[in-house]
Structure formats: structure tokens, C-alpha cells
Amino acid sequence: MIMRMIIYSSNLQKLGLSPHQLLIGLFTIIILTLTIGPQISVYASTNNKVSCYERGLIDGEDNPFSQSTYAKCSDDYYQGFLQGCTSVDGNSRDICESATDE
């Protein structure tokens, strides 16, 4: 274990990095990933990336219409929501369209 630490430390010195600098760099990458990453795609409840249409489909089946997701995705989300909503027994297109009104 001590030998590994010595090798690790000497490799960092060859790169001109201290362990402190390495931790700051990794921390910065993690923070950027967490703050920028979620804004790129819409997420399902399982945290898998899904398209706007798929998000609408999921919401139409089990969740209310999301105005914020609609603002990001527009017609793709709306069409997915209608498809998901009308797939539920007892829901008509009119009922589903009225569910999209705020």
C-alpha cells in the first residue's frame, strides 16, 4: 500500500500536479457535469435520458402535463403526452387535450 502511494505521488510530481490540484480538478469536473448535464436533456423518473416525445408519453400515462417541459420541448412533448394519455383506458382525446390547459 505504501509503495503504491509512493508511485502515485511520483507520477503526480512528473505531471507537475499536487494531490490537492488533482482533487480540485476532479471536483470542478463533477460540479460542471451536475450543473450543465441535466439542462441538455429531459429525464425520466428513472434518470435515463429520454426524448421530449418519450417524456410526454410517460407523463401522459402517469403524470400531469408539465408546462415547463412543454416550454423546453414544444410539440414533441405535447404529441407524446396526447399519445400516452389516450392510451389509458377511459381517456378520450378531448379529455387529454383539456389536461394540457393551464
PDB file of N, CA and C in Angstrom:
ATOM      1  N   MET A   1       0.827  -1.188   0.000  1.00  0.00           N
ATOM      2  CA  MET A   1       0.000   0.000   0.000  1.00  0.00           C
ATOM      3  C   MET A   1       0.873   1.255   0.000  1.00  0.00           C
ATOM      4  N   ILE A   2       1.883   1.290   0.852  1.00  0.00           N
ATOM      5  CA  ILE A   2       2.768   2.447   0.923  1.00  0.00           C
ATOM      6  C   ILE A   2       3.522   2.597  -0.395  1.00  0.00           C
ATOM      7  N   MET A   3       3.922   1.481  -0.996  1.00  0.00           N
ATOM      8  CA  MET A   3       4.648   1.513  -2.264  1.00  0.00           C
ATOM      9  C   MET A   3       3.753   2.123  -3.355  1.00  0.00           C
ATOM     10  N   ARG A   4       2.461   1.755  -3.369  1.00  0.00           N
ATOM     11  CA  ARG A   4       1.542   2.325  -4.353  1.00  0.00           C
ATOM     12  C   ARG A   4       1.424   3.827  -4.173  1.00  0.00           C
ATOM     13  N   MET A   5       1.362   4.285  -2.926  1.00  0.00           N
ATOM     14  CA  MET A   5       1.257   5.713  -2.658  1.00  0.00           C
ATOM     15  C   MET A   5       2.500   6.456  -3.137  1.00  0.00           C
ATOM     16  N   ILE A   6       3.657   5.850  -2.962  1.00  0.00           N
ATOM     17  CA  ILE A   6       4.905   6.466  -3.413  1.00  0.00           C
ATOM     18  C   ILE A   6       4.919   6.568  -4.929  1.00  0.00           C
ATOM     19  N   ILE A   7       4.513   5.503  -5.618  1.00  0.00           N
ATOM     20  CA  ILE A   7       4.454   5.511  -7.088  1.00  0.00           C
ATOM     21  C   ILE A   7       3.441   6.546  -7.557  1.00  0.00           C
ATOM     22  N   TYR A   8       2.278   6.583  -6.931  1.00  0.00           N
ATOM     23  CA  TYR A   8       1.232   7.549  -7.278  1.00  0.00           C
ATOM     24  C   TYR A   8       1.752   8.977  -7.099  1.00  0.00           C
ATOM     25  N   SER A   9       2.391   9.220  -5.982  1.00  0.00           N
ATOM     26  CA  SER A   9       2.922  10.550  -5.682  1.00  0.00           C
ATOM     27  C   SER A   9       3.994  10.965  -6.686  1.00  0.00           C
ATOM     28  N   SER A  10       4.873  10.042  -7.053  1.00  0.00           N
ATOM     29  CA  SER A  10       5.923  10.386  -8.011  1.00  0.00           C
ATOM     30  C   SER A  10       5.342  10.636  -9.397  1.00  0.00           C
ATOM     31  N   ASN A  11       4.275   9.918  -9.780  1.00  0.00           N
ATOM     32  CA  ASN A  11       3.625  10.167 -11.073  1.00  0.00           C
ATOM     33  C   ASN A  11       2.981  11.541 -11.109  1.00  0.00           C
ATOM     34  N   LEU A  12       2.375  11.957 -10.009  1.00  0.00           N
ATOM     35  CA  LEU A  12       1.781  13.290  -9.948  1.00  0.00           C
ATOM     36  C   LEU A  12       2.853  14.367 -10.057  1.00  0.00           C
ATOM     37  N   GLN A  13       3.999  14.125  -9.406  1.00  0.00           N
ATOM     38  CA  GLN A  13       5.080  15.093  -9.470  1.00  0.00           C
ATOM     39  C   GLN A  13       5.617  15.220 -10.896  1.00  0.00           C
ATOM     40  N   LYS A  14       5.668  14.108 -11.629  1.00  0.00           N
ATOM     41  CA  LYS A  14       6.125  14.154 -13.022  1.00  0.00           C
ATOM     42  C   LYS A  14       5.176  15.005 -13.870  1.00  0.00           C
ATOM     43  N   LEU A  15       3.892  14.959 -13.551  1.00  0.00           N
ATOM     44  CA  LEU A  15       2.911  15.753 -14.280  1.00  0.00           C
ATOM     45  C   LEU A  15       2.859  17.194 -13.790  1.00  0.00           C
ATOM     46  N   GLY A  16       3.517  17.446 -12.697  1.00  0.00           N
ATOM     47  CA  GLY A  16       3.506  18.795 -12.133  1.00  0.00           C
ATOM     48  C   GLY A  16       2.253  19.088 -11.339  1.00  0.00           C
ATOM     49  N   LEU A  17       1.575  18.039 -10.858  1.00  0.00           N
ATOM     50  CA  LEU A  17       0.332  18.204 -10.109  1.00  0.00           C
ATOM     51  C   LEU A  17       0.519  17.745  -8.668  1.00  0.00           C
ATOM     52  N   SER A  18      -0.036  18.500  -7.773  1.00  0.00           N
ATOM     53  CA  SER A  18      -0.078  18.052  -6.380  1.00  0.00           C
ATOM     54  C   SER A  18      -1.394  17.308  -6.182  1.00  0.00           C
ATOM     55  N   PRO A  19      -1.501  16.467  -5.178  1.00  0.00           N
ATOM     56  CA  PRO A  19      -2.781  15.800  -4.913  1.00  0.00           C
ATOM     57  C   PRO A  19      -3.912  16.810  -4.712  1.00  0.00           C
ATOM     58  N   HIS A  20      -3.598  17.944  -4.118  1.00  0.00           N
ATOM     59  CA  HIS A  20      -4.591  18.995  -3.895  1.00  0.00           C
ATOM     60  C   HIS A  20      -5.110  19.538  -5.229  1.00  0.00           C
ATOM     61  N   GLN A  21      -4.223  19.770  -6.184  1.00  0.00           N
ATOM     62  CA  GLN A  21      -4.632  20.270  -7.500  1.00  0.00           C
ATOM     63  C   GLN A  21      -5.483  19.244  -8.243  1.00  0.00           C
ATOM     64  N   LEU A  22      -5.134  17.984  -8.106  1.00  0.00           N
ATOM     65  CA  LEU A  22      -5.904  16.920  -8.740  1.00  0.00           C
ATOM     66  C   LEU A  22      -7.321  16.865  -8.179  1.00  0.00           C
ATOM     67  N   LEU A  23      -7.472  16.969  -6.868  1.00  0.00           N
ATOM     68  CA  LEU A  23      -8.792  16.949  -6.252  1.00  0.00           C
ATOM     69  C   LEU A  23      -9.628  18.152  -6.686  1.00  0.00           C
ATOM     70  N   ILE A  24      -9.008  19.311  -6.778  1.00  0.00           N
ATOM     71  CA  ILE A  24      -9.739  20.500  -7.228  1.00  0.00           C
ATOM     72  C   ILE A  24     -10.223  20.314  -8.663  1.00  0.00           C
ATOM     73  N   GLY A  25      -9.374  19.754  -9.517  1.00  0.00           N
ATOM     74  CA  GLY A  25      -9.758  19.498 -10.905  1.00  0.00           C
ATOM     75  C   GLY A  25     -10.909  18.518 -11.016  1.00  0.00           C
ATOM     76  N   LEU A  26     -10.848  17.437 -10.265  1.00  0.00           N
ATOM     77  CA  LEU A  26     -11.925  16.444 -10.284  1.00  0.00           C
ATOM     78  C   LEU A  26     -13.220  17.031  -9.743  1.00  0.00           C
ATOM     79  N   PHE A  27     -13.125  17.795  -8.670  1.00  0.00           N
ATOM     80  CA  PHE A  27     -14.292  18.433  -8.087  1.00  0.00           C
ATOM     81  C   PHE A  27     -14.943  19.390  -9.092  1.00  0.00           C
ATOM     82  N   THR A  28     -14.140  20.143  -9.816  1.00  0.00           N
ATOM     83  CA  THR A  28     -14.655  21.071 -10.820  1.00  0.00           C
ATOM     84  C   THR A  28     -15.397  20.323 -11.928  1.00  0.00           C
ATOM     85  N   ILE A  29     -14.831  19.231 -12.381  1.00  0.00           N
ATOM     86  CA  ILE A  29     -15.474  18.429 -13.429  1.00  0.00           C
ATOM     87  C   ILE A  29     -16.809  17.877 -12.940  1.00  0.00           C
ATOM     88  N   ILE A  30     -16.854  17.394 -11.719  1.00  0.00           N
ATOM     89  CA  ILE A  30     -18.095  16.846 -11.163  1.00  0.00           C
ATOM     90  C   ILE A  30     -19.151  17.935 -11.061  1.00  0.00           C
ATOM     91  N   ILE A  31     -18.785  19.096 -10.560  1.00  0.00           N
ATOM     92  CA  ILE A  31     -19.744  20.197 -10.426  1.00  0.00           C
ATOM     93  C   ILE A  31     -20.280  20.633 -11.790  1.00  0.00           C
ATOM     94  N   LEU A  32     -19.409  20.754 -12.769  1.00  0.00           N
ATOM     95  CA  LEU A  32     -19.855  21.146 -14.110  1.00  0.00           C
ATOM     96  C   LEU A  32     -20.790  20.108 -14.716  1.00  0.00           C
ATOM     97  N   THR A  33     -20.478  18.853 -14.509  1.00  0.00           N
ATOM     98  CA  THR A  33     -21.320  17.787 -15.033  1.00  0.00           C
ATOM     99  C   THR A  33     -22.709  17.825 -14.396  1.00  0.00           C
ATOM    100  N   LEU A  34     -22.760  18.058 -13.099  1.00  0.00           N
ATOM    101  CA  LEU A  34     -24.042  18.084 -12.396  1.00  0.00           C
ATOM    102  C   LEU A  34     -24.872  19.319 -12.732  1.00  0.00           C
ATOM    103  N   THR A  35     -24.229  20.432 -13.014  1.00  0.00           N
ATOM    104  CA  THR A  35     -24.991  21.653 -13.293  1.00  0.00           C
ATOM    105  C   THR A  35     -25.354  21.820 -14.760  1.00  0.00           C
ATOM    106  N   ILE A  36     -24.508  21.387 -15.662  1.00  0.00           N
ATOM    107  CA  ILE A  36     -24.773  21.554 -17.087  1.00  0.00           C
ATOM    108  C   ILE A  36     -25.496  20.348 -17.672  1.00  0.00           C
ATOM    109  N   GLY A  37     -25.124  19.164 -17.268  1.00  0.00           N
ATOM    110  CA  GLY A  37     -25.675  17.934 -17.829  1.00  0.00           C
ATOM    111  C   GLY A  37     -27.187  17.844 -17.835  1.00  0.00           C
ATOM    112  N   PRO A  38     -27.865  18.081 -16.699  1.00  0.00           N
ATOM    113  CA  PRO A  38     -29.323  17.952 -16.684  1.00  0.00           C
ATOM    114  C   PRO A  38     -30.042  18.947 -17.573  1.00  0.00           C
ATOM    115  N   GLN A  39     -29.412  20.038 -17.965  1.00  0.00           N
ATOM    116  CA  GLN A  39     -30.070  21.020 -18.799  1.00  0.00           C
ATOM    117  C   GLN A  39     -30.066  20.607 -20.263  1.00  0.00           C
ATOM    118  N   ILE A  40     -29.290  19.626 -20.613  1.00  0.00           N
ATOM    119  CA  ILE A  40     -29.167  19.219 -22.002  1.00  0.00           C
ATOM    120  C   ILE A  40     -30.322  18.330 -22.439  1.00  0.00           C
ATOM    121  N   SER A  41     -30.800  17.446 -21.558  1.00  0.00           N
ATOM    122  CA  SER A  41     -31.852  16.507 -21.909  1.00  0.00           C
ATOM    123  C   SER A  41     -32.956  16.520 -20.871  1.00  0.00           C
ATOM    124  N   VAL A  42     -34.072  15.972 -21.264  1.00  0.00           N
ATOM    125  CA  VAL A  42     -35.177  15.777 -20.347  1.00  0.00           C
ATOM    126  C   VAL A  42     -35.020  14.388 -19.758  1.00  0.00           C
ATOM    127  N   TYR A  43     -35.270  14.243 -18.467  1.00  0.00           N
ATOM    128  CA  TYR A  43     -35.057  12.969 -17.805  1.00  0.00           C
ATOM    129  C   TYR A  43     -36.362  12.314 -17.406  1.00  0.00           C
ATOM    130  N   ALA A  44     -36.388  11.004 -17.485  1.00  0.00           N
ATOM    131  CA  ALA A  44     -37.496  10.231 -16.959  1.00  0.00           C
ATOM    132  C   ALA A  44     -37.270  10.011 -15.479  1.00  0.00           C
ATOM    133  N   SER A  45     -38.262   9.453 -14.807  1.00  0.00           N
ATOM    134  CA  SER A  45     -38.145   9.247 -13.365  1.00  0.00           C
ATOM    135  C   SER A  45     -37.037   8.259 -13.025  1.00  0.00           C
ATOM    136  N   THR A  46     -36.608   7.457 -13.973  1.00  0.00           N
ATOM    137  CA  THR A  46     -35.532   6.504 -13.724  1.00  0.00           C
ATOM    138  C   THR A  46     -34.162   7.127 -13.965  1.00  0.00           C
ATOM    139  N   ASN A  47     -34.138   8.419 -14.276  1.00  0.00           N
ATOM    140  CA  ASN A  47     -32.908   9.172 -14.554  1.00  0.00           C
ATOM    141  C   ASN A  47     -32.218   8.746 -15.836  1.00  0.00           C
ATOM    142  N   ASN A  48     -32.908   8.008 -16.698  1.00  0.00           N
ATOM    143  CA  ASN A  48     -32.365   7.714 -18.022  1.00  0.00           C
ATOM    144  C   ASN A  48     -32.744   8.853 -18.948  1.00  0.00           C
ATOM    145  N   LYS A  49     -31.854   9.206 -19.851  1.00  0.00           N
ATOM    146  CA  LYS A  49     -32.175  10.264 -20.796  1.00  0.00           C
ATOM    147  C   LYS A  49     -33.237   9.761 -21.763  1.00  0.00           C
ATOM    148  N   VAL A  50     -34.246  10.582 -21.990  1.00  0.00           N
ATOM    149  CA  VAL A  50     -35.299  10.241 -22.936  1.00  0.00           C
ATOM    150  C   VAL A  50     -35.575  11.451 -23.807  1.00  0.00           C
ATOM    151  N   SER A  51     -36.163  11.211 -24.947  1.00  0.00           N
ATOM    152  CA  SER A  51     -36.517  12.312 -25.843  1.00  0.00           C
ATOM    153  C   SER A  51     -37.718  13.060 -25.272  1.00  0.00           C
ATOM    154  N   CYS A  52     -37.975  14.210 -25.829  1.00  0.00           N
ATOM    155  CA  CYS A  52     -39.131  15.001 -25.403  1.00  0.00           C
ATOM    156  C   CYS A  52     -40.434  14.239 -25.650  1.00  0.00           C
ATOM    157  N   TYR A  53     -40.513  13.557 -26.768  1.00  0.00           N
ATOM    158  CA  TYR A  53     -41.718  12.767 -27.077  1.00  0.00           C
ATOM    159  C   TYR A  53     -41.912  11.669 -26.024  1.00  0.00           C
ATOM    160  N   GLU A  54     -40.829  10.961 -25.708  1.00  0.00           N
ATOM    161  CA  GLU A  54     -40.920   9.893 -24.708  1.00  0.00           C
ATOM    162  C   GLU A  54     -41.295  10.437 -23.334  1.00  0.00           C
ATOM    163  N   ARG A  55     -40.763  11.612 -22.980  1.00  0.00           N
ATOM    164  CA  ARG A  55     -41.122  12.242 -21.703  1.00  0.00           C
ATOM    165  C   ARG A  55     -42.608  12.545 -21.685  1.00  0.00           C
ATOM    166  N   GLY A  56     -43.129  13.036 -22.814  1.00  0.00           N
ATOM    167  CA  GLY A  56     -44.561  13.299 -22.922  1.00  0.00           C
ATOM    168  C   GLY A  56     -45.377  12.030 -22.810  1.00  0.00           C
ATOM    169  N   LEU A  57     -44.910  10.973 -23.435  1.00  0.00           N
ATOM    170  CA  LEU A  57     -45.587   9.681 -23.372  1.00  0.00           C
ATOM    171  C   LEU A  57     -45.666   9.192 -21.924  1.00  0.00           C
ATOM    172  N   ILE A  58     -44.568   9.273 -21.214  1.00  0.00           N
ATOM    173  CA  ILE A  58     -44.512   8.852 -19.808  1.00  0.00           C
ATOM    174  C   ILE A  58     -45.456   9.703 -18.962  1.00  0.00           C
ATOM    175  N   ASP A  59     -45.391  11.024 -19.149  1.00  0.00           N
ATOM    176  CA  ASP A  59     -46.261  11.904 -18.374  1.00  0.00           C
ATOM    177  C   ASP A  59     -47.724  11.679 -18.723  1.00  0.00           C
ATOM    178  N   GLY A  60     -48.019  11.482 -19.991  1.00  0.00           N
ATOM    179  CA  GLY A  60     -49.403  11.247 -20.398  1.00  0.00           C
ATOM    180  C   GLY A  60     -50.002  10.005 -19.765  1.00  0.00           C
ATOM    181  N   GLU A  61     -49.196   8.999 -19.533  1.00  0.00           N
ATOM    182  CA  GLU A  61     -49.682   7.762 -18.926  1.00  0.00           C
ATOM    183  C   GLU A  61     -49.857   7.883 -17.415  1.00  0.00           C
ATOM    184  N   ASP A  62     -48.952   8.600 -16.744  1.00  0.00           N
ATOM    185  CA  ASP A  62     -48.937   8.561 -15.278  1.00  0.00           C
ATOM    186  C   ASP A  62     -48.847   9.907 -14.563  1.00  0.00           C
ATOM    187  N   ASN A  63     -48.599  10.994 -15.267  1.00  0.00           N
ATOM    188  CA  ASN A  63     -48.322  12.270 -14.608  1.00  0.00           C
ATOM    189  C   ASN A  63     -49.101  13.399 -15.269  1.00  0.00           C
ATOM    190  N   PRO A  64     -49.225  14.522 -14.569  1.00  0.00           N
ATOM    191  CA  PRO A  64     -49.890  15.673 -15.193  1.00  0.00           C
ATOM    192  C   PRO A  64     -49.015  16.291 -16.280  1.00  0.00           C
ATOM    193  N   PHE A  65     -49.642  17.061 -17.149  1.00  0.00           N
ATOM    194  CA  PHE A  65     -48.941  17.779 -18.207  1.00  0.00           C
ATOM    195  C   PHE A  65     -47.999  18.784 -17.568  1.00  0.00           C
ATOM    196  N   SER A  66     -46.758  18.817 -18.029  1.00  0.00           N
ATOM    197  CA  SER A  66     -45.752  19.710 -17.461  1.00  0.00           C
ATOM    198  C   SER A  66     -45.549  20.920 -18.372  1.00  0.00           C
ATOM    199  N   GLN A  67     -45.972  22.086 -17.893  1.00  0.00           N
ATOM    200  CA  GLN A  67     -45.789  23.308 -18.679  1.00  0.00           C
ATOM    201  C   GLN A  67     -44.306  23.633 -18.882  1.00  0.00           C
ATOM    202  N   SER A  68     -43.482  23.341 -17.867  1.00  0.00           N
ATOM    203  CA  SER A  68     -42.049  23.646 -18.003  1.00  0.00           C
ATOM    204  C   SER A  68     -41.383  22.747 -19.048  1.00  0.00           C
ATOM    205  N   THR A  69     -41.774  21.474 -19.094  1.00  0.00           N
ATOM    206  CA  THR A  69     -41.220  20.584 -20.109  1.00  0.00           C
ATOM    207  C   THR A  69     -41.733  20.979 -21.493  1.00  0.00           C
ATOM    208  N   TYR A  70     -43.005  21.365 -21.553  1.00  0.00           N
ATOM    209  CA  TYR A  70     -43.574  21.831 -22.818  1.00  0.00           C
ATOM    210  C   TYR A  70     -42.833  23.071 -23.321  1.00  0.00           C
ATOM    211  N   ALA A  71     -42.468  23.968 -22.403  1.00  0.00           N
ATOM    212  CA  ALA A  71     -41.737  25.179 -22.787  1.00  0.00           C
ATOM    213  C   ALA A  71     -40.387  24.831 -23.412  1.00  0.00           C
ATOM    214  N   LYS A  72     -39.760  23.734 -22.947  1.00  0.00           N
ATOM    215  CA  LYS A  72     -38.468  23.316 -23.496  1.00  0.00           C
ATOM    216  C   LYS A  72     -38.629  22.530 -24.794  1.00  0.00           C
ATOM    217  N   CYS A  73     -39.680  21.722 -24.861  1.00  0.00           N
ATOM    218  CA  CYS A  73     -39.781  20.720 -25.935  1.00  0.00           C
ATOM    219  C   CYS A  73     -40.841  21.017 -26.993  1.00  0.00           C
ATOM    220  N   SER A  74     -41.831  21.808 -26.659  1.00  0.00           N
ATOM    221  CA  SER A  74     -42.885  22.209 -27.573  1.00  0.00           C
ATOM    222  C   SER A  74     -43.709  21.010 -28.076  1.00  0.00           C
ATOM    223  N   ASP A  75     -43.909  20.941 -29.400  1.00  0.00           N
ATOM    224  CA  ASP A  75     -44.846  19.981 -29.986  1.00  0.00           C
ATOM    225  C   ASP A  75     -44.459  18.518 -29.754  1.00  0.00           C
ATOM    226  N   ASP A  76     -43.175  18.198 -29.678  1.00  0.00           N
ATOM    227  CA  ASP A  76     -42.767  16.804 -29.439  1.00  0.00           C
ATOM    228  C   ASP A  76     -43.314  16.303 -28.102  1.00  0.00           C
ATOM    229  N   TYR A  77     -43.180  17.120 -27.072  1.00  0.00           N
ATOM    230  CA  TYR A  77     -43.701  16.746 -25.748  1.00  0.00           C
ATOM    231  C   TYR A  77     -45.226  16.644 -25.789  1.00  0.00           C
ATOM    232  N   TYR A  78     -45.868  17.627 -26.412  1.00  0.00           N
ATOM    233  CA  TYR A  78     -47.331  17.669 -26.496  1.00  0.00           C
ATOM    234  C   TYR A  78     -47.878  16.422 -27.184  1.00  0.00           C
ATOM    235  N   GLN A  79     -47.293  16.053 -28.325  1.00  0.00           N
ATOM    236  CA  GLN A  79     -47.767  14.871 -29.052  1.00  0.00           C
ATOM    237  C   GLN A  79     -47.543  13.588 -28.245  1.00  0.00           C
ATOM    238  N   GLY A  80     -46.405  13.504 -27.594  1.00  0.00           N
ATOM    239  CA  GLY A  80     -46.149  12.344 -26.737  1.00  0.00           C
ATOM    240  C   GLY A  80     -47.132  12.259 -25.590  1.00  0.00           C
ATOM    241  N   PHE A  81     -47.424  13.413 -24.987  1.00  0.00           N
ATOM    242  CA  PHE A  81     -48.385  13.441 -23.882  1.00  0.00           C
ATOM    243  C   PHE A  81     -49.753  12.957 -24.350  1.00  0.00           C
ATOM    244  N   LEU A  82     -50.214  13.463 -25.491  1.00  0.00           N
ATOM    245  CA  LEU A  82     -51.516  13.030 -26.012  1.00  0.00           C
ATOM    246  C   LEU A  82     -51.541  11.530 -26.284  1.00  0.00           C
ATOM    247  N   GLN A  83     -50.468  11.012 -26.851  1.00  0.00           N
ATOM    248  CA  GLN A  83     -50.394   9.573 -27.140  1.00  0.00           C
ATOM    249  C   GLN A  83     -50.449   8.772 -25.842  1.00  0.00           C
ATOM    250  N   GLY A  84     -49.676   9.181 -24.846  1.00  0.00           N
ATOM    251  CA  GLY A  84     -49.668   8.471 -23.571  1.00  0.00           C
ATOM    252  C   GLY A  84     -50.992   8.572 -22.849  1.00  0.00           C
ATOM    253  N   CYS A  85     -51.585   9.747 -22.859  1.00  0.00           N
ATOM    254  CA  CYS A  85     -52.850   9.969 -22.168  1.00  0.00           C
ATOM    255  C   CYS A  85     -53.988   9.173 -22.804  1.00  0.00           C
ATOM    256  N   THR A  86     -54.058   9.181 -24.133  1.00  0.00           N
ATOM    257  CA  THR A  86     -55.140   8.452 -24.804  1.00  0.00           C
ATOM    258  C   THR A  86     -54.959   6.940 -24.723  1.00  0.00           C
ATOM    259  N   SER A  87     -53.765   6.482 -24.360  1.00  0.00           N
ATOM    260  CA  SER A  87     -53.557   5.036 -24.216  1.00  0.00           C
ATOM    261  C   SER A  87     -54.140   4.506 -22.904  1.00  0.00           C
ATOM    262  N   VAL A  88     -54.519   5.394 -22.003  1.00  0.00           N
ATOM    263  CA  VAL A  88     -55.109   4.988 -20.721  1.00  0.00           C
ATOM    264  C   VAL A  88     -56.597   4.744 -20.927  1.00  0.00           C
ATOM    265  N   ASP A  89     -57.077   3.588 -20.449  1.00  0.00           N
ATOM    266  CA  ASP A  89     -58.492   3.240 -20.592  1.00  0.00           C
ATOM    267  C   ASP A  89     -59.380   4.337 -20.018  1.00  0.00           C
ATOM    268  N   GLY A  90     -60.391   4.738 -20.806  1.00  0.00           N
ATOM    269  CA  GLY A  90     -61.351   5.740 -20.352  1.00  0.00           C
ATOM    270  C   GLY A  90     -61.005   7.160 -20.753  1.00  0.00           C
ATOM    271  N   ASN A  91     -59.792   7.392 -21.242  1.00  0.00           N
ATOM    272  CA  ASN A  91     -59.402   8.737 -21.652  1.00  0.00           C
ATOM    273  C   ASN A  91     -59.680   8.939 -23.138  1.00  0.00           C
ATOM    274  N   SER A  92     -60.366  10.032 -23.454  1.00  0.00           N
ATOM    275  CA  SER A  92     -60.585  10.395 -24.851  1.00  0.00           C
ATOM    276  C   SER A  92     -59.590  11.485 -25.226  1.00  0.00           C
ATOM    277  N   ARG A  93     -59.512  11.780 -26.505  1.00  0.00           N
ATOM    278  CA  ARG A  93     -58.615  12.842 -26.956  1.00  0.00           C
ATOM    279  C   ARG A  93     -59.024  14.185 -26.345  1.00  0.00           C
ATOM    280  N   ASP A  94     -60.338  14.430 -26.255  1.00  0.00           N
ATOM    281  CA  ASP A  94     -60.817  15.680 -25.662  1.00  0.00           C
ATOM    282  C   ASP A  94     -60.384  15.810 -24.205  1.00  0.00           C
ATOM    283  N   ILE A  95     -60.490  14.733 -23.457  1.00  0.00           N
ATOM    284  CA  ILE A  95     -60.065  14.748 -22.050  1.00  0.00           C
ATOM    285  C   ILE A  95     -58.574  15.051 -21.956  1.00  0.00           C
ATOM    286  N   CYS A  96     -57.792  14.400 -22.805  1.00  0.00           N
ATOM    287  CA  CYS A  96     -56.340  14.578 -22.773  1.00  0.00           C
ATOM    288  C   CYS A  96     -55.932  15.983 -23.205  1.00  0.00           C
ATOM    289  N   GLU A  97     -56.602  16.522 -24.221  1.00  0.00           N
ATOM    290  CA  GLU A  97     -56.292  17.884 -24.644  1.00  0.00           C
ATOM    291  C   GLU A  97     -56.651  18.892 -23.554  1.00  0.00           C
ATOM    292  N   SER A  98     -57.743  18.646 -22.842  1.00  0.00           N
ATOM    293  CA  SER A  98     -58.110  19.569 -21.763  1.00  0.00           C
ATOM    294  C   SER A  98     -57.128  19.482 -20.596  1.00  0.00           C
ATOM    295  N   ALA A  99     -56.457  18.352 -20.462  1.00  0.00           N
ATOM    296  CA  ALA A  99     -55.449  18.198 -19.391  1.00  0.00           C
ATOM    297  C   ALA A  99     -54.191  19.007 -19.663  1.00  0.00           C
ATOM    298  N   THR A 100     -54.024  19.470 -20.909  1.00  0.00           N
ATOM    299  CA  THR A 100     -52.821  20.254 -21.239  1.00  0.00           C
ATOM    300  C   THR A 100     -53.035  21.742 -20.988  1.00  0.00           C
ATOM    301  N   ASP A 101     -54.262  22.151 -20.742  1.00  0.00           N
ATOM    302  CA  ASP A 101     -54.546  23.564 -20.462  1.00  0.00           C
ATOM    303  C   ASP A 101     -54.162  23.903 -19.042  1.00  0.00           C
ATOM    304  N   GLU A 102     -53.630  25.105 -18.883  1.00  0.00           N
ATOM    305  CA  GLU A 102     -53.258  25.522 -17.517  1.00  0.00           C
ATOM    306  C   GLU A 102     -54.293  26.420 -16.942  1.00  0.00           C
TER     307      GLU A 102
END
